[in-house]
Amino acid sequence: MTQETVLAPALTAATSTAIVVEPGSTATIGIFSATREDKAVTPAFSILLQTPGADNLADYLSGSKRQVIVGPGTYRVQRRAYDGIPFGVFVER
């Protein structure tokens, strides 16, 4: 399995690049920081599923929780601005 950064670590609001999951496939999404902070407050990230209309909220990421997403689908992860240490998002396939 390979890991790919889809949202660089930062404190600003941002949305990841598209995470395309093919039919019958899965991908694991998680958050990361450049430093290890056991007591760090981590932000919540929203996992959005692309639809023909507005994107649907599929789930949340926070702390060490990773989420497995199932295809077919195109997903994005949204980060709101916050104070703390910079966190980003990776996908593993």
N, C-alpha and C. Protein backbone atom coordinates (compact mmCIF):
# COMPACT_ATOMS: atom_id res chain seq x y z
N MET A 1 0.84 -1.18 0.00
CA MET A 1 0.00 0.00 0.00
C MET A 1 0.89 1.24 0.00
N THR A 2 0.44 2.25 -0.71
CA THR A 2 1.20 3.49 -0.76
C THR A 2 0.41 4.61 -0.11
N GLN A 3 1.14 5.54 0.48
CA GLN A 3 0.53 6.71 1.09
C GLN A 3 0.76 7.92 0.21
N GLU A 4 -0.25 8.78 0.15
CA GLU A 4 -0.18 9.99 -0.66
C GLU A 4 -0.79 11.14 0.15
N THR A 5 -0.09 12.27 0.19
CA THR A 5 -0.63 13.45 0.86
C THR A 5 -1.65 14.11 -0.06
N VAL A 6 -2.86 14.33 0.46
CA VAL A 6 -3.90 14.98 -0.34
C VAL A 6 -4.24 16.37 0.20
N LEU A 7 -3.72 16.69 1.40
CA LEU A 7 -3.90 18.02 1.99
C LEU A 7 -2.69 18.29 2.88
N ALA A 8 -1.89 19.27 2.49
CA ALA A 8 -0.66 19.59 3.23
C ALA A 8 -0.99 20.12 4.62
N PRO A 9 -0.12 19.86 5.61
CA PRO A 9 -0.35 20.36 6.97
C PRO A 9 -0.40 21.90 7.00
N ALA A 10 -1.38 22.44 7.70
CA ALA A 10 -1.54 23.88 7.86
C ALA A 10 -2.60 24.13 8.93
N LEU A 11 -2.82 25.40 9.24
CA LEU A 11 -3.84 25.80 10.20
C LEU A 11 -5.03 26.49 9.52
N THR A 12 -4.92 26.70 8.23
CA THR A 12 -5.94 27.43 7.48
C THR A 12 -7.02 26.49 6.94
N ALA A 13 -8.16 27.05 6.62
CA ALA A 13 -9.24 26.28 6.00
C ALA A 13 -8.81 25.87 4.60
N ALA A 14 -9.10 24.63 4.23
CA ALA A 14 -8.73 24.14 2.91
C ALA A 14 -9.48 22.85 2.61
N THR A 15 -9.49 22.48 1.34
CA THR A 15 -10.10 21.24 0.90
C THR A 15 -9.06 20.43 0.13
N SER A 16 -9.04 19.14 0.35
CA SER A 16 -8.06 18.27 -0.29
C SER A 16 -8.32 18.13 -1.78
N THR A 17 -7.35 17.54 -2.45
CA THR A 17 -7.55 17.15 -3.84
C THR A 17 -8.56 15.99 -3.84
N ALA A 18 -9.09 15.68 -5.01
CA ALA A 18 -10.07 14.61 -5.13
C ALA A 18 -9.44 13.25 -4.82
N ILE A 19 -10.17 12.44 -4.08
CA ILE A 19 -9.76 11.07 -3.78
C ILE A 19 -10.75 10.17 -4.52
N VAL A 20 -10.31 9.63 -5.63
CA VAL A 20 -11.18 8.80 -6.47
C VAL A 20 -10.99 7.35 -6.07
N VAL A 21 -12.08 6.70 -5.69
CA VAL A 21 -12.05 5.30 -5.30
C VAL A 21 -12.86 4.51 -6.33
N GLU A 22 -12.19 3.59 -6.99
CA GLU A 22 -12.81 2.81 -8.06
C GLU A 22 -13.81 1.79 -7.50
N PRO A 23 -14.76 1.34 -8.31
CA PRO A 23 -15.73 0.32 -7.85
C PRO A 23 -15.02 -0.91 -7.30
N GLY A 24 -15.48 -1.39 -6.15
CA GLY A 24 -14.89 -2.57 -5.53
C GLY A 24 -13.60 -2.33 -4.78
N SER A 25 -13.10 -1.10 -4.77
CA SER A 25 -11.85 -0.76 -4.09
C SER A 25 -12.14 0.00 -2.80
N THR A 26 -11.13 0.08 -1.95
CA THR A 26 -11.21 0.88 -0.74
C THR A 26 -9.97 1.76 -0.63
N ALA A 27 -10.07 2.78 0.19
CA ALA A 27 -8.94 3.65 0.52
C ALA A 27 -9.09 4.02 1.99
N THR A 28 -7.96 4.21 2.66
CA THR A 28 -7.97 4.62 4.06
C THR A 28 -7.49 6.06 4.13
N ILE A 29 -8.25 6.90 4.83
CA ILE A 29 -7.91 8.31 4.99
C ILE A 29 -7.54 8.56 6.44
N GLY A 30 -6.47 9.34 6.67
CA GLY A 30 -6.05 9.68 8.02
C GLY A 30 -5.42 11.06 8.06
N ILE A 31 -5.20 11.57 9.26
CA ILE A 31 -4.57 12.87 9.42
C ILE A 31 -3.16 12.68 9.98
N PHE A 32 -2.30 13.67 9.75
CA PHE A 32 -0.92 13.59 10.23
C PHE A 32 -0.39 14.98 10.52
N SER A 33 0.66 15.04 11.34
CA SER A 33 1.39 16.28 11.58
C SER A 33 2.87 15.98 11.44
N ALA A 34 3.66 17.03 11.32
CA ALA A 34 5.11 16.86 11.19
C ALA A 34 5.76 16.53 12.53
N THR A 35 5.08 16.86 13.62
CA THR A 35 5.62 16.61 14.96
C THR A 35 4.68 15.73 15.75
N ARG A 36 5.23 15.01 16.69
CA ARG A 36 4.39 14.16 17.54
C ARG A 36 4.02 14.95 18.79
N GLU A 37 2.76 15.09 19.01
CA GLU A 37 2.25 15.81 20.18
C GLU A 37 1.19 14.95 20.82
N ASP A 38 1.54 14.23 21.89
CA ASP A 38 0.59 13.32 22.51
C ASP A 38 -0.63 14.03 23.08
N LYS A 39 -0.46 15.26 23.54
CA LYS A 39 -1.58 15.97 24.15
C LYS A 39 -2.10 17.08 23.24
N ALA A 40 -1.76 17.02 21.98
CA ALA A 40 -2.19 18.06 21.05
C ALA A 40 -3.69 18.00 20.81
N VAL A 41 -4.29 19.15 20.66
CA VAL A 41 -5.69 19.22 20.27
C VAL A 41 -5.71 19.16 18.75
N THR A 42 -6.36 18.16 18.22
CA THR A 42 -6.41 18.02 16.77
C THR A 42 -7.76 18.48 16.26
N PRO A 43 -7.79 19.07 15.10
CA PRO A 43 -9.05 19.55 14.54
C PRO A 43 -9.86 18.39 13.98
N ALA A 44 -11.13 18.62 13.77
CA ALA A 44 -11.97 17.64 13.09
C ALA A 44 -11.97 17.97 11.61
N PHE A 45 -11.85 16.97 10.80
CA PHE A 45 -11.90 17.12 9.35
C PHE A 45 -13.18 16.46 8.86
N SER A 46 -13.82 17.04 7.86
CA SER A 46 -15.03 16.47 7.28
C SER A 46 -14.68 15.72 6.00
N ILE A 47 -15.19 14.50 5.87
CA ILE A 47 -15.04 13.73 4.63
C ILE A 47 -16.31 13.96 3.81
N LEU A 48 -16.14 14.49 2.62
CA LEU A 48 -17.26 14.81 1.75
C LEU A 48 -17.30 13.88 0.55
N LEU A 49 -18.50 13.41 0.21
CA LEU A 49 -18.71 12.58 -0.97
C LEU A 49 -19.30 13.45 -2.07
N GLN A 50 -18.63 13.49 -3.21
CA GLN A 50 -19.10 14.30 -4.34
C GLN A 50 -20.39 13.71 -4.90
N THR A 51 -21.36 14.57 -5.17
CA THR A 51 -22.62 14.17 -5.78
C THR A 51 -22.90 15.12 -6.95
N PRO A 52 -23.94 14.84 -7.75
CA PRO A 52 -24.29 15.77 -8.83
C PRO A 52 -24.71 17.15 -8.32
N GLY A 53 -25.15 17.22 -7.06
CA GLY A 53 -25.51 18.50 -6.43
C GLY A 53 -24.43 18.89 -5.44
N ALA A 54 -24.85 19.31 -4.25
CA ALA A 54 -23.90 19.66 -3.19
C ALA A 54 -23.27 18.38 -2.64
N ASP A 55 -22.00 18.48 -2.19
CA ASP A 55 -21.33 17.33 -1.61
C ASP A 55 -22.03 16.89 -0.33
N ASN A 56 -22.06 15.57 -0.08
CA ASN A 56 -22.66 15.01 1.13
C ASN A 56 -21.59 14.77 2.18
N LEU A 57 -21.93 15.01 3.44
CA LEU A 57 -21.03 14.68 4.54
C LEU A 57 -21.04 13.17 4.71
N ALA A 58 -19.88 12.53 4.53
CA ALA A 58 -19.79 11.08 4.65
C ALA A 58 -19.34 10.65 6.05
N ASP A 59 -18.42 11.42 6.65
CA ASP A 59 -17.90 11.07 7.97
C ASP A 59 -16.95 12.17 8.44
N TYR A 60 -16.33 11.93 9.61
CA TYR A 60 -15.35 12.85 10.18
C TYR A 60 -14.05 12.13 10.46
N LEU A 61 -12.95 12.88 10.48
CA LEU A 61 -11.65 12.39 10.94
C LEU A 61 -11.21 13.26 12.10
N SER A 62 -10.62 12.65 13.11
CA SER A 62 -10.01 13.43 14.18
C SER A 62 -9.05 12.54 14.94
N GLY A 63 -8.07 13.15 15.58
CA GLY A 63 -7.09 12.39 16.36
C GLY A 63 -6.47 11.27 15.55
N SER A 64 -6.39 10.10 16.14
CA SER A 64 -5.75 8.97 15.46
C SER A 64 -6.77 8.12 14.70
N LYS A 65 -8.02 8.56 14.64
CA LYS A 65 -9.04 7.80 13.92
C LYS A 65 -8.80 7.87 12.42
N ARG A 66 -8.73 6.71 11.79
CA ARG A 66 -8.65 6.67 10.33
C ARG A 66 -9.98 6.13 9.82
N GLN A 67 -10.28 6.43 8.58
CA GLN A 67 -11.57 6.03 8.01
C GLN A 67 -11.34 5.29 6.70
N VAL A 68 -12.00 4.16 6.54
CA VAL A 68 -11.95 3.42 5.29
C VAL A 68 -13.15 3.85 4.45
N ILE A 69 -12.86 4.27 3.21
CA ILE A 69 -13.94 4.65 2.30
C ILE A 69 -14.02 3.62 1.19
N VAL A 70 -15.23 3.40 0.70
CA VAL A 70 -15.49 2.35 -0.27
C VAL A 70 -15.95 2.96 -1.59
N GLY A 71 -15.44 2.39 -2.69
CA GLY A 71 -15.82 2.86 -4.01
C GLY A 71 -17.06 2.16 -4.51
N PRO A 72 -17.66 2.71 -5.54
CA PRO A 72 -17.15 3.85 -6.29
C PRO A 72 -17.51 5.17 -5.62
N GLY A 73 -16.67 6.16 -5.82
CA GLY A 73 -16.96 7.49 -5.31
C GLY A 73 -15.77 8.41 -5.42
N THR A 74 -16.07 9.70 -5.40
CA THR A 74 -15.04 10.73 -5.36
C THR A 74 -15.24 11.49 -4.07
N TYR A 75 -14.19 11.53 -3.26
CA TYR A 75 -14.25 12.13 -1.92
C TYR A 75 -13.27 13.29 -1.84
N ARG A 76 -13.55 14.18 -0.91
CA ARG A 76 -12.63 15.26 -0.56
C ARG A 76 -12.67 15.40 0.96
N VAL A 77 -11.59 15.91 1.53
CA VAL A 77 -11.55 16.15 2.98
C VAL A 77 -11.41 17.65 3.20
N GLN A 78 -12.25 18.17 4.08
CA GLN A 78 -12.28 19.61 4.33
C GLN A 78 -11.77 19.90 5.74
N ARG A 79 -10.86 20.87 5.82
CA ARG A 79 -10.32 21.31 7.10
C ARG A 79 -10.80 22.73 7.36
N ARG A 80 -11.28 22.99 8.56
CA ARG A 80 -11.63 24.36 8.96
C ARG A 80 -10.41 24.99 9.59
N ALA A 81 -10.34 26.32 9.57
CA ALA A 81 -9.24 27.03 10.23
C ALA A 81 -9.30 26.79 11.74
N TYR A 82 -8.15 26.68 12.37
CA TYR A 82 -8.09 26.43 13.81
C TYR A 82 -6.74 26.87 14.34
N ASP A 83 -6.60 26.89 15.66
CA ASP A 83 -5.32 27.18 16.33
C ASP A 83 -4.75 25.87 16.86
N GLY A 84 -3.47 25.69 16.76
CA GLY A 84 -2.83 24.47 17.26
C GLY A 84 -1.60 24.16 16.45
N ILE A 85 -1.35 22.88 16.25
CA ILE A 85 -0.25 22.49 15.38
C ILE A 85 -0.81 22.09 14.02
N PRO A 86 -0.05 22.29 12.95
CA PRO A 86 -0.56 22.00 11.61
C PRO A 86 -0.79 20.51 11.36
N PHE A 87 -1.94 20.19 10.85
CA PHE A 87 -2.27 18.83 10.46
C PHE A 87 -2.65 18.79 8.99
N GLY A 88 -2.33 17.68 8.35
CA GLY A 88 -2.69 17.44 6.97
C GLY A 88 -3.43 16.11 6.86
N VAL A 89 -3.71 15.72 5.63
CA VAL A 89 -4.48 14.49 5.39
C VAL A 89 -3.73 13.62 4.39
N PHE A 90 -3.74 12.32 4.65
CA PHE A 90 -3.14 11.37 3.69
C PHE A 90 -4.17 10.31 3.33
N VAL A 91 -3.94 9.68 2.21
CA VAL A 91 -4.75 8.54 1.78
C VAL A 91 -3.81 7.38 1.52
N GLU A 92 -4.24 6.19 1.90
CA GLU A 92 -3.45 4.98 1.69
C GLU A 92 -4.29 4.01 0.88
N ARG A 93 -3.70 3.51 -0.19
CA ARG A 93 -4.41 2.57 -1.07
C ARG A 93 -3.59 1.32 -1.24
